[in-house]
Amino acid sequence: MNQKEKTDFSAEQEDVLKSVRISRIILPILIGMGVVGYLLYKEYDAENFSRINWNAHVWFWITASVILLIIRHLAYALRLRILSDGLFSWKKCIELVFIWEFSSAVSPTSVGGSAVALFVLSQEKLTAAKTAAIVIYSTVLDTVFFVGTLPILFLAFGPQIIRPGLKSLSDIDGWGYTFIGAYIFMFIYGCLFYYGLFINPMQIKRVLVGFTKLRFLKKYRRKAIELGDDIIIASKEIWQKRWSYHLGAFLSTATAWSCRFLLLNCLIIGLVELTTTDFFSQFTLFARLETMFVIMAFSPTPGGAGFAEFVFNGFLYDYMPLDNGFISPFIAFIWRLLTYYLYLLVGAIVIPNWIRNIMNARKKEA
């Protein structure tokens, strides 16, 4: 194999690299900042802004939010370290999570960063089986967390976890139907992946390829075959693992998602005066945020840019003072700054360095 073949990426790999090029941060930033800017302009009042008392209480809870952000990132890194059987160092896991999060931030949330994750891990000298197992099992773990916990939260706190003031499912509105539809879809594909990984991967491949016989799905036939093959090799990899592997992977997943929601709990406690901090109110807020993220998972915009800021107030208006409409878009801005724009910024720094290291490694091998 000559040097050109060793250092060049394939056409498909080039497409993946283009999907994470730094220029793609411009669109989500414009969308997200545009929506936030409009909401802030619409609601801004100097008197309302001056009512935020930047005292020790506020800074304590903002600091708590930052700590939860760090714990969340480390939990994802721990999951990657577990799923890779320790083949990656802590430093490498932290770096790869930044790349994974960046790819999700610049892709529609309904698409996610799975394709990029497959490509990135394949460049790290992992076997095809290990790469497929990590990416597909990560998707299953995320889905199991939502599908498993939401019914429990619904039983504990009632329909109000779907929308503020909702007393029964008979009063459900458009957002509620959107949530139910998104949850059902998530449940179905979660079951399919679980069935494929743990029960009958060959049958899942047949089903996926069978769907492509439909005229409007024919163009996805090659992708369906590849996905089916990935599920088969991931299944073989996963079946060899002990229960401690699965428990550690799930607990790290649950920790990461819980920190994502609790971060916003902390921001609201810190920035909204007289916020009720009793267990029931805060856990109801936690459950509402989980519901909101289910809907955000099917946003057509990159990383939910604009969409997340838009739905924020509708889901949480009962936790915001009615006489200070400004506070809602302001908290949404701080929240997205920590959990979204930060990853765009860090990704713009990490990814070029990662690509450069990969290319240098290929040149040395040539």
Foldseek 3Di string as FASTA:
>chain_A
DDLCVLQDDDPVLVVLVVLLALVLVVVLVCQQCVLLVVLLVVQPDPVLVVPFDPDPLLVVLLVVLLVLLVLLLQLQLLLLCLLLVNPDDSVRSSLLSLQQQSSLQSAQLLVGRLVNQLSLVVLVVDDLLSSLLSSLVLLLLLLCLLLVVLVVLCVVQNPVLQFNPDDHPVPDDPSSVLLVVLNVVSVVVSVLLCCLQAPNLVVSLVVLLVVCVPPVNVVCNVVSNVNSVSSVSSSVVVVVDDPVSVVSSNVSSNSSLLSLLVSLVSNLSSRAPPQDDDPSVSVSSSSSVSSLVSSSSRGRGRSSRNVSLVCQCRRCVVSHDPVRSSSSSVSVVSSCVSSRVVSSVVNNVSVVVSSVVSSVVSSVVD
